[in-house]
N, C-alpha and C. Protein backbone atom coordinates (compact mmCIF):
# COMPACT_ATOMS: atom_id res chain seq x y z
N MET A 1 -0.01 -3.26 -17.22
CA MET A 1 -0.17 -1.91 -16.70
C MET A 1 1.19 -1.41 -16.24
N HIS A 2 1.49 -0.17 -16.53
CA HIS A 2 2.76 0.42 -16.15
C HIS A 2 2.50 1.70 -15.37
N PRO A 3 2.26 1.58 -14.04
CA PRO A 3 1.92 2.74 -13.24
C PRO A 3 3.01 3.79 -13.19
N HIS A 4 4.26 3.41 -13.42
CA HIS A 4 5.32 4.39 -13.36
C HIS A 4 5.36 5.28 -14.60
N THR A 5 4.58 4.96 -15.64
CA THR A 5 4.58 5.78 -16.83
C THR A 5 3.28 6.55 -17.02
N THR A 6 2.20 6.11 -16.37
CA THR A 6 0.93 6.80 -16.51
C THR A 6 0.25 6.90 -15.16
N ALA A 7 -0.56 7.92 -15.00
CA ALA A 7 -1.32 8.07 -13.77
C ALA A 7 -2.42 7.00 -13.75
N VAL A 8 -2.61 6.42 -12.59
CA VAL A 8 -3.62 5.38 -12.45
C VAL A 8 -4.75 5.92 -11.59
N VAL A 9 -5.94 5.87 -12.12
CA VAL A 9 -7.11 6.26 -11.35
C VAL A 9 -7.99 5.03 -11.28
N ARG A 10 -8.28 4.58 -10.07
CA ARG A 10 -9.10 3.39 -9.92
C ARG A 10 -10.48 3.79 -9.45
N THR A 11 -11.42 2.96 -9.79
CA THR A 11 -12.77 3.20 -9.33
C THR A 11 -12.86 2.86 -7.85
N PRO A 12 -13.81 3.42 -7.14
CA PRO A 12 -13.95 3.11 -5.72
C PRO A 12 -14.14 1.62 -5.50
N ILE A 13 -13.61 1.14 -4.39
CA ILE A 13 -13.77 -0.26 -4.05
C ILE A 13 -15.22 -0.51 -3.67
N HIS A 14 -15.82 -1.50 -4.29
CA HIS A 14 -17.17 -1.92 -3.93
C HIS A 14 -17.04 -3.21 -3.15
N ILE A 15 -17.52 -3.20 -1.94
CA ILE A 15 -17.40 -4.38 -1.10
C ILE A 15 -18.49 -5.36 -1.49
N SER A 16 -18.06 -6.43 -2.12
CA SER A 16 -19.02 -7.45 -2.54
C SER A 16 -19.32 -8.40 -1.40
N ALA A 17 -20.29 -9.25 -1.60
CA ALA A 17 -20.65 -10.23 -0.58
C ALA A 17 -19.43 -11.08 -0.26
N GLY A 18 -19.12 -11.20 1.00
CA GLY A 18 -17.99 -12.00 1.43
C GLY A 18 -16.70 -11.23 1.60
N ALA A 19 -16.59 -10.04 1.06
CA ALA A 19 -15.38 -9.23 1.23
C ALA A 19 -15.43 -8.54 2.59
N ARG A 20 -14.25 -8.39 3.20
CA ARG A 20 -14.20 -7.78 4.53
C ARG A 20 -13.16 -6.66 4.55
N PRO A 21 -13.54 -5.48 5.05
CA PRO A 21 -12.58 -4.39 5.20
C PRO A 21 -11.93 -4.41 6.59
N PHE A 22 -10.68 -4.04 6.65
CA PHE A 22 -9.94 -3.91 7.90
C PHE A 22 -9.18 -2.59 7.84
N LEU A 23 -9.18 -1.83 8.93
CA LEU A 23 -8.50 -0.52 8.96
C LEU A 23 -7.55 -0.44 10.15
N LEU A 24 -6.42 0.20 9.91
CA LEU A 24 -5.47 0.51 10.97
C LEU A 24 -5.04 1.95 10.77
N ALA A 25 -5.22 2.77 11.78
CA ALA A 25 -4.72 4.15 11.76
C ALA A 25 -3.67 4.26 12.85
N ALA A 26 -2.53 4.80 12.49
CA ALA A 26 -1.43 4.91 13.46
C ALA A 26 -0.68 6.21 13.21
N PRO A 27 -0.10 6.79 14.26
CA PRO A 27 0.70 7.99 14.06
C PRO A 27 1.98 7.64 13.31
N SER A 28 2.51 8.61 12.60
CA SER A 28 3.77 8.40 11.90
C SER A 28 4.89 8.33 12.94
N ALA A 29 5.34 7.12 13.22
CA ALA A 29 6.37 6.89 14.24
C ALA A 29 7.26 5.75 13.77
N PRO A 30 8.46 5.63 14.34
CA PRO A 30 9.35 4.53 13.94
C PRO A 30 8.75 3.14 14.18
N THR A 31 7.80 3.03 15.07
CA THR A 31 7.19 1.72 15.36
C THR A 31 6.00 1.39 14.44
N THR A 32 5.58 2.33 13.62
CA THR A 32 4.40 2.12 12.78
C THR A 32 4.59 1.00 11.75
N PRO A 33 5.73 0.89 11.07
CA PRO A 33 5.87 -0.23 10.13
C PRO A 33 5.70 -1.60 10.80
N LYS A 34 6.23 -1.77 12.01
CA LYS A 34 6.06 -3.04 12.72
C LYS A 34 4.59 -3.26 13.07
N ALA A 35 3.91 -2.22 13.52
CA ALA A 35 2.49 -2.35 13.84
C ALA A 35 1.70 -2.75 12.60
N ALA A 36 2.05 -2.19 11.45
CA ALA A 36 1.37 -2.54 10.20
C ALA A 36 1.65 -3.98 9.81
N ARG A 37 2.91 -4.41 9.94
CA ARG A 37 3.24 -5.81 9.63
C ARG A 37 2.45 -6.77 10.53
N ASP A 38 2.43 -6.46 11.82
CA ASP A 38 1.71 -7.31 12.77
C ASP A 38 0.21 -7.36 12.45
N PHE A 39 -0.35 -6.23 12.05
CA PHE A 39 -1.77 -6.13 11.70
C PHE A 39 -2.09 -7.03 10.49
N VAL A 40 -1.29 -6.90 9.44
CA VAL A 40 -1.51 -7.70 8.23
C VAL A 40 -1.35 -9.18 8.55
N ARG A 41 -0.32 -9.50 9.33
CA ARG A 41 -0.08 -10.89 9.72
C ARG A 41 -1.28 -11.46 10.50
N ALA A 42 -1.79 -10.67 11.44
CA ALA A 42 -2.92 -11.13 12.26
C ALA A 42 -4.18 -11.35 11.43
N VAL A 43 -4.41 -10.50 10.44
CA VAL A 43 -5.62 -10.63 9.61
C VAL A 43 -5.51 -11.84 8.69
N LEU A 44 -4.37 -12.06 8.07
CA LEU A 44 -4.24 -13.08 7.03
C LEU A 44 -3.84 -14.47 7.55
N ARG A 45 -3.26 -14.53 8.73
CA ARG A 45 -2.64 -15.76 9.22
C ARG A 45 -3.53 -16.99 9.14
N ARG A 46 -4.74 -16.92 9.60
CA ARG A 46 -5.60 -18.11 9.68
C ARG A 46 -6.76 -18.04 8.69
N THR A 47 -6.46 -17.59 7.50
CA THR A 47 -7.49 -17.50 6.45
C THR A 47 -7.01 -18.26 5.22
N PRO A 48 -7.89 -18.45 4.26
CA PRO A 48 -7.45 -19.06 3.00
C PRO A 48 -6.43 -18.19 2.24
N LEU A 49 -6.25 -16.95 2.68
CA LEU A 49 -5.29 -16.05 2.04
C LEU A 49 -3.88 -16.17 2.64
N ALA A 50 -3.69 -17.10 3.56
CA ALA A 50 -2.39 -17.28 4.22
C ALA A 50 -1.22 -17.45 3.25
N PRO A 51 -1.39 -18.06 2.07
CA PRO A 51 -0.26 -18.15 1.14
C PRO A 51 0.26 -16.78 0.67
N LEU A 52 -0.55 -15.75 0.81
CA LEU A 52 -0.15 -14.39 0.42
C LEU A 52 0.55 -13.64 1.55
N LEU A 53 0.60 -14.24 2.72
CA LEU A 53 1.04 -13.56 3.94
C LEU A 53 2.42 -12.92 3.82
N ASP A 54 3.44 -13.67 3.44
CA ASP A 54 4.80 -13.13 3.42
C ASP A 54 4.93 -11.95 2.46
N THR A 55 4.36 -12.08 1.27
CA THR A 55 4.43 -10.99 0.30
C THR A 55 3.64 -9.78 0.78
N ALA A 56 2.46 -10.01 1.36
CA ALA A 56 1.64 -8.90 1.86
C ALA A 56 2.36 -8.16 2.98
N VAL A 57 3.01 -8.90 3.88
CA VAL A 57 3.73 -8.27 4.99
C VAL A 57 4.92 -7.47 4.45
N LEU A 58 5.67 -8.03 3.52
CA LEU A 58 6.83 -7.33 2.95
C LEU A 58 6.42 -6.04 2.26
N LEU A 59 5.41 -6.11 1.38
CA LEU A 59 5.00 -4.92 0.64
C LEU A 59 4.35 -3.88 1.55
N THR A 60 3.62 -4.32 2.55
CA THR A 60 3.05 -3.39 3.53
C THR A 60 4.17 -2.68 4.28
N SER A 61 5.17 -3.42 4.70
CA SER A 61 6.29 -2.83 5.42
C SER A 61 6.98 -1.76 4.58
N GLU A 62 7.20 -2.06 3.32
CA GLU A 62 7.84 -1.08 2.42
C GLU A 62 6.98 0.17 2.27
N ALA A 63 5.68 -0.01 2.06
CA ALA A 63 4.78 1.14 1.85
C ALA A 63 4.66 2.00 3.11
N VAL A 64 4.52 1.36 4.26
CA VAL A 64 4.35 2.12 5.51
C VAL A 64 5.67 2.79 5.90
N THR A 65 6.79 2.12 5.69
CA THR A 65 8.08 2.75 5.98
C THR A 65 8.28 3.98 5.11
N SER A 66 7.97 3.87 3.83
CA SER A 66 8.08 5.03 2.94
C SER A 66 7.19 6.17 3.41
N SER A 67 5.97 5.85 3.81
CA SER A 67 5.06 6.88 4.32
C SER A 67 5.62 7.53 5.57
N HIS A 68 6.12 6.70 6.48
CA HIS A 68 6.67 7.25 7.72
C HIS A 68 7.84 8.19 7.45
N LEU A 69 8.71 7.82 6.52
CA LEU A 69 9.91 8.63 6.25
C LEU A 69 9.59 9.98 5.63
N ARG A 70 8.44 10.11 4.97
CA ARG A 70 8.12 11.39 4.34
C ARG A 70 6.93 12.11 4.97
N THR A 71 6.47 11.61 6.11
CA THR A 71 5.31 12.19 6.78
C THR A 71 5.72 12.79 8.11
N PRO A 72 5.24 13.99 8.43
CA PRO A 72 5.56 14.56 9.74
C PRO A 72 4.97 13.71 10.87
N ARG A 73 5.62 13.75 12.02
CA ARG A 73 5.15 12.96 13.17
C ARG A 73 3.74 13.35 13.62
N SER A 74 3.30 14.54 13.28
CA SER A 74 1.95 14.96 13.67
C SER A 74 0.87 14.34 12.79
N ALA A 75 1.29 13.64 11.73
CA ALA A 75 0.33 13.06 10.78
C ALA A 75 0.05 11.60 11.13
N ASP A 76 -1.04 11.10 10.59
CA ASP A 76 -1.39 9.70 10.75
C ASP A 76 -1.16 8.96 9.44
N ILE A 77 -0.92 7.67 9.56
CA ILE A 77 -0.83 6.78 8.41
C ILE A 77 -2.02 5.84 8.51
N LEU A 78 -2.74 5.69 7.42
CA LEU A 78 -3.92 4.84 7.38
C LEU A 78 -3.63 3.64 6.49
N LEU A 79 -3.83 2.45 7.03
CA LEU A 79 -3.69 1.21 6.28
C LEU A 79 -5.07 0.61 6.12
N ARG A 80 -5.45 0.31 4.90
CA ARG A 80 -6.76 -0.27 4.63
C ARG A 80 -6.55 -1.59 3.91
N MET A 81 -7.13 -2.64 4.43
CA MET A 81 -7.08 -3.96 3.80
C MET A 81 -8.49 -4.37 3.42
N LEU A 82 -8.62 -4.90 2.24
CA LEU A 82 -9.89 -5.46 1.81
C LEU A 82 -9.60 -6.89 1.40
N THR A 83 -10.16 -7.84 2.15
CA THR A 83 -9.94 -9.24 1.83
C THR A 83 -11.17 -9.79 1.12
N ALA A 84 -10.93 -10.65 0.17
CA ALA A 84 -11.99 -11.34 -0.54
C ALA A 84 -11.55 -12.78 -0.74
N GLU A 85 -12.42 -13.57 -1.25
CA GLU A 85 -12.13 -14.98 -1.44
C GLU A 85 -10.90 -15.20 -2.32
N HIS A 86 -10.69 -14.35 -3.30
CA HIS A 86 -9.63 -14.53 -4.29
C HIS A 86 -8.35 -13.73 -4.01
N GLY A 87 -8.36 -12.84 -3.02
CA GLY A 87 -7.15 -12.05 -2.78
C GLY A 87 -7.37 -10.92 -1.80
N VAL A 88 -6.38 -10.03 -1.78
CA VAL A 88 -6.39 -8.92 -0.84
C VAL A 88 -5.93 -7.65 -1.55
N ARG A 89 -6.53 -6.53 -1.18
CA ARG A 89 -6.07 -5.21 -1.63
C ARG A 89 -5.67 -4.44 -0.38
N ILE A 90 -4.46 -3.92 -0.39
CA ILE A 90 -3.95 -3.14 0.72
C ILE A 90 -3.61 -1.75 0.20
N SER A 91 -4.07 -0.74 0.90
CA SER A 91 -3.72 0.63 0.53
C SER A 91 -3.15 1.35 1.75
N VAL A 92 -2.19 2.22 1.48
CA VAL A 92 -1.53 3.00 2.53
C VAL A 92 -1.68 4.46 2.15
N HIS A 93 -2.26 5.22 3.07
CA HIS A 93 -2.48 6.65 2.84
C HIS A 93 -1.85 7.44 3.98
N ASP A 94 -1.22 8.53 3.63
CA ASP A 94 -0.67 9.42 4.65
C ASP A 94 -1.01 10.85 4.28
N GLU A 95 -0.60 11.76 5.10
CA GLU A 95 -0.94 13.17 4.90
C GLU A 95 0.21 13.98 4.31
N ALA A 96 1.21 13.30 3.77
CA ALA A 96 2.34 14.02 3.18
C ALA A 96 1.91 14.64 1.85
N PRO A 97 2.06 15.95 1.72
CA PRO A 97 1.59 16.62 0.50
C PRO A 97 2.62 16.56 -0.63
N ILE A 98 3.15 15.36 -0.89
CA ILE A 98 4.09 15.20 -2.00
C ILE A 98 3.70 13.97 -2.79
N ARG A 99 4.20 13.89 -4.00
CA ARG A 99 3.91 12.74 -4.85
C ARG A 99 4.85 11.59 -4.51
N LEU A 100 4.36 10.38 -4.73
CA LEU A 100 5.20 9.20 -4.53
C LEU A 100 6.29 9.18 -5.59
N PRO A 101 7.50 8.73 -5.23
CA PRO A 101 8.56 8.61 -6.23
C PRO A 101 8.26 7.49 -7.21
N ARG A 102 9.04 7.44 -8.28
CA ARG A 102 8.88 6.40 -9.29
C ARG A 102 9.62 5.14 -8.85
N PRO A 103 9.14 3.96 -9.33
CA PRO A 103 9.84 2.73 -8.97
C PRO A 103 11.18 2.57 -9.66
N ALA A 104 11.36 3.23 -10.79
CA ALA A 104 12.64 3.19 -11.49
C ALA A 104 12.99 4.63 -11.87
N PRO A 105 14.27 4.99 -11.81
CA PRO A 105 14.62 6.38 -12.11
C PRO A 105 14.34 6.73 -13.56
N ALA A 106 13.78 7.89 -13.77
CA ALA A 106 13.58 8.41 -15.12
C ALA A 106 14.89 9.03 -15.58
N ALA A 107 14.97 9.36 -16.83
CA ALA A 107 16.19 9.96 -17.37
C ALA A 107 16.56 11.19 -16.55
N GLY A 108 17.77 11.22 -16.06
CA GLY A 108 18.25 12.36 -15.29
C GLY A 108 18.04 12.23 -13.80
N GLU A 109 17.24 11.27 -13.34
CA GLU A 109 17.02 11.07 -11.91
C GLU A 109 18.11 10.16 -11.35
N GLN A 110 18.47 10.40 -10.11
CA GLN A 110 19.55 9.65 -9.48
C GLN A 110 19.09 8.36 -8.82
N GLU A 111 17.95 8.40 -8.12
CA GLU A 111 17.55 7.27 -7.30
C GLU A 111 16.16 6.78 -7.63
N ALA A 112 15.96 5.49 -7.46
CA ALA A 112 14.64 4.89 -7.58
C ALA A 112 14.13 4.58 -6.19
N ASP A 113 12.84 4.41 -6.05
CA ASP A 113 12.26 3.95 -4.80
C ASP A 113 12.25 2.43 -4.87
N LEU A 114 13.14 1.81 -4.13
CA LEU A 114 13.26 0.36 -4.20
C LEU A 114 12.02 -0.36 -3.69
N GLY A 115 11.30 0.25 -2.75
CA GLY A 115 10.05 -0.34 -2.27
C GLY A 115 9.01 -0.40 -3.38
N LEU A 116 8.93 0.65 -4.20
CA LEU A 116 7.99 0.63 -5.32
C LEU A 116 8.45 -0.34 -6.39
N LEU A 117 9.74 -0.46 -6.59
CA LEU A 117 10.26 -1.43 -7.55
C LEU A 117 9.88 -2.84 -7.12
N LEU A 118 10.04 -3.11 -5.84
CA LEU A 118 9.65 -4.41 -5.28
C LEU A 118 8.15 -4.64 -5.46
N THR A 119 7.36 -3.62 -5.16
CA THR A 119 5.91 -3.72 -5.31
C THR A 119 5.53 -4.00 -6.76
N SER A 120 6.19 -3.33 -7.69
CA SER A 120 5.86 -3.52 -9.11
C SER A 120 6.18 -4.94 -9.58
N HIS A 121 7.14 -5.60 -8.94
CA HIS A 121 7.51 -6.96 -9.33
C HIS A 121 6.69 -8.03 -8.61
N LEU A 122 6.28 -7.78 -7.38
CA LEU A 122 5.62 -8.82 -6.59
C LEU A 122 4.09 -8.74 -6.57
N ALA A 123 3.54 -7.55 -6.75
CA ALA A 123 2.08 -7.40 -6.68
C ALA A 123 1.45 -7.80 -8.01
N ASP A 124 0.24 -8.33 -7.93
CA ASP A 124 -0.51 -8.65 -9.15
C ASP A 124 -1.00 -7.39 -9.84
N ASP A 125 -1.26 -6.36 -9.06
CA ASP A 125 -1.67 -5.06 -9.59
C ASP A 125 -1.33 -4.03 -8.53
N TRP A 126 -1.03 -2.82 -8.94
CA TRP A 126 -0.73 -1.77 -7.98
C TRP A 126 -0.86 -0.42 -8.67
N GLY A 127 -0.90 0.61 -7.86
CA GLY A 127 -0.98 1.96 -8.41
C GLY A 127 -1.09 2.98 -7.30
N THR A 128 -1.37 4.18 -7.69
CA THR A 128 -1.56 5.27 -6.74
C THR A 128 -2.91 5.91 -7.01
N THR A 129 -3.47 6.45 -5.97
CA THR A 129 -4.75 7.14 -6.08
C THR A 129 -4.60 8.50 -5.43
N PRO A 130 -4.85 9.58 -6.18
CA PRO A 130 -4.78 10.90 -5.56
C PRO A 130 -5.88 11.09 -4.54
N PHE A 131 -5.56 11.78 -3.48
CA PHE A 131 -6.52 12.13 -2.44
C PHE A 131 -6.94 13.57 -2.70
N ALA A 132 -8.22 13.79 -2.87
CA ALA A 132 -8.71 15.11 -3.29
C ALA A 132 -8.71 16.15 -2.17
N GLY A 133 -8.66 15.71 -0.93
CA GLY A 133 -8.71 16.67 0.17
C GLY A 133 -7.39 17.37 0.39
N LEU A 134 -7.33 18.16 1.44
CA LEU A 134 -6.09 18.83 1.80
C LEU A 134 -5.42 18.06 2.92
N PRO A 135 -4.13 17.89 2.93
CA PRO A 135 -3.23 18.28 1.85
C PRO A 135 -3.39 17.32 0.68
N ARG A 136 -3.00 17.78 -0.48
CA ARG A 136 -3.12 16.94 -1.67
C ARG A 136 -2.06 15.85 -1.61
N SER A 137 -2.48 14.69 -1.21
CA SER A 137 -1.56 13.58 -1.02
C SER A 137 -1.98 12.41 -1.91
N THR A 138 -1.26 11.32 -1.78
CA THR A 138 -1.49 10.17 -2.63
C THR A 138 -1.51 8.89 -1.80
N SER A 139 -2.38 7.98 -2.16
CA SER A 139 -2.41 6.65 -1.54
C SER A 139 -1.74 5.66 -2.48
N LEU A 140 -0.97 4.75 -1.91
CA LEU A 140 -0.39 3.65 -2.67
C LEU A 140 -1.23 2.41 -2.37
N TRP A 141 -1.60 1.66 -3.39
CA TRP A 141 -2.36 0.44 -3.19
C TRP A 141 -1.74 -0.68 -4.00
N PHE A 142 -1.93 -1.90 -3.50
CA PHE A 142 -1.50 -3.07 -4.27
C PHE A 142 -2.44 -4.22 -4.00
N GLU A 143 -2.51 -5.13 -4.96
CA GLU A 143 -3.35 -6.30 -4.84
C GLU A 143 -2.52 -7.56 -5.01
N LEU A 144 -2.87 -8.57 -4.22
CA LEU A 144 -2.28 -9.90 -4.32
C LEU A 144 -3.43 -10.88 -4.49
N ARG A 145 -3.28 -11.82 -5.41
CA ARG A 145 -4.35 -12.78 -5.67
C ARG A 145 -3.86 -14.21 -5.47
N ILE A 146 -4.77 -15.05 -5.04
CA ILE A 146 -4.52 -16.48 -4.91
C ILE A 146 -4.50 -17.10 -6.30
N GLY A 147 -3.60 -18.03 -6.52
CA GLY A 147 -3.58 -18.80 -7.75
C GLY A 147 -3.23 -18.02 -9.00
N ARG A 148 -2.28 -17.12 -8.90
CA ARG A 148 -1.91 -16.37 -10.11
C ARG A 148 -0.98 -17.13 -10.99
């Protein structure tokens, strides 16, 4: 899958037996990336998903930092984690009415989003999901699996 070349639309997450959702809502502030890292660390630390901890914390930090940098302080950032026996899906949503940058610069573009480049290399799957409400914003999600 190449999310940087095509729009990715995923089906709604269906919580199967044994899967657990976790939510964190925080204002867009300089301390929000740390709060998100601590949240992910606390959820995964003592579970069978602990081997995914470092990568999950790194990618969460990148996603939340990117959201904070492009979101007004009056907005909230929402972090959603869905844990299952085989892995975790983390999504970050904010109220910034702009599209996420590409992980690699397209022809004529000057800069890439290094956080998305990192996500594209470390995550087992990732993409963006448009938010239909106002403002028209986008959620970034990624999945990490045990035993890949």
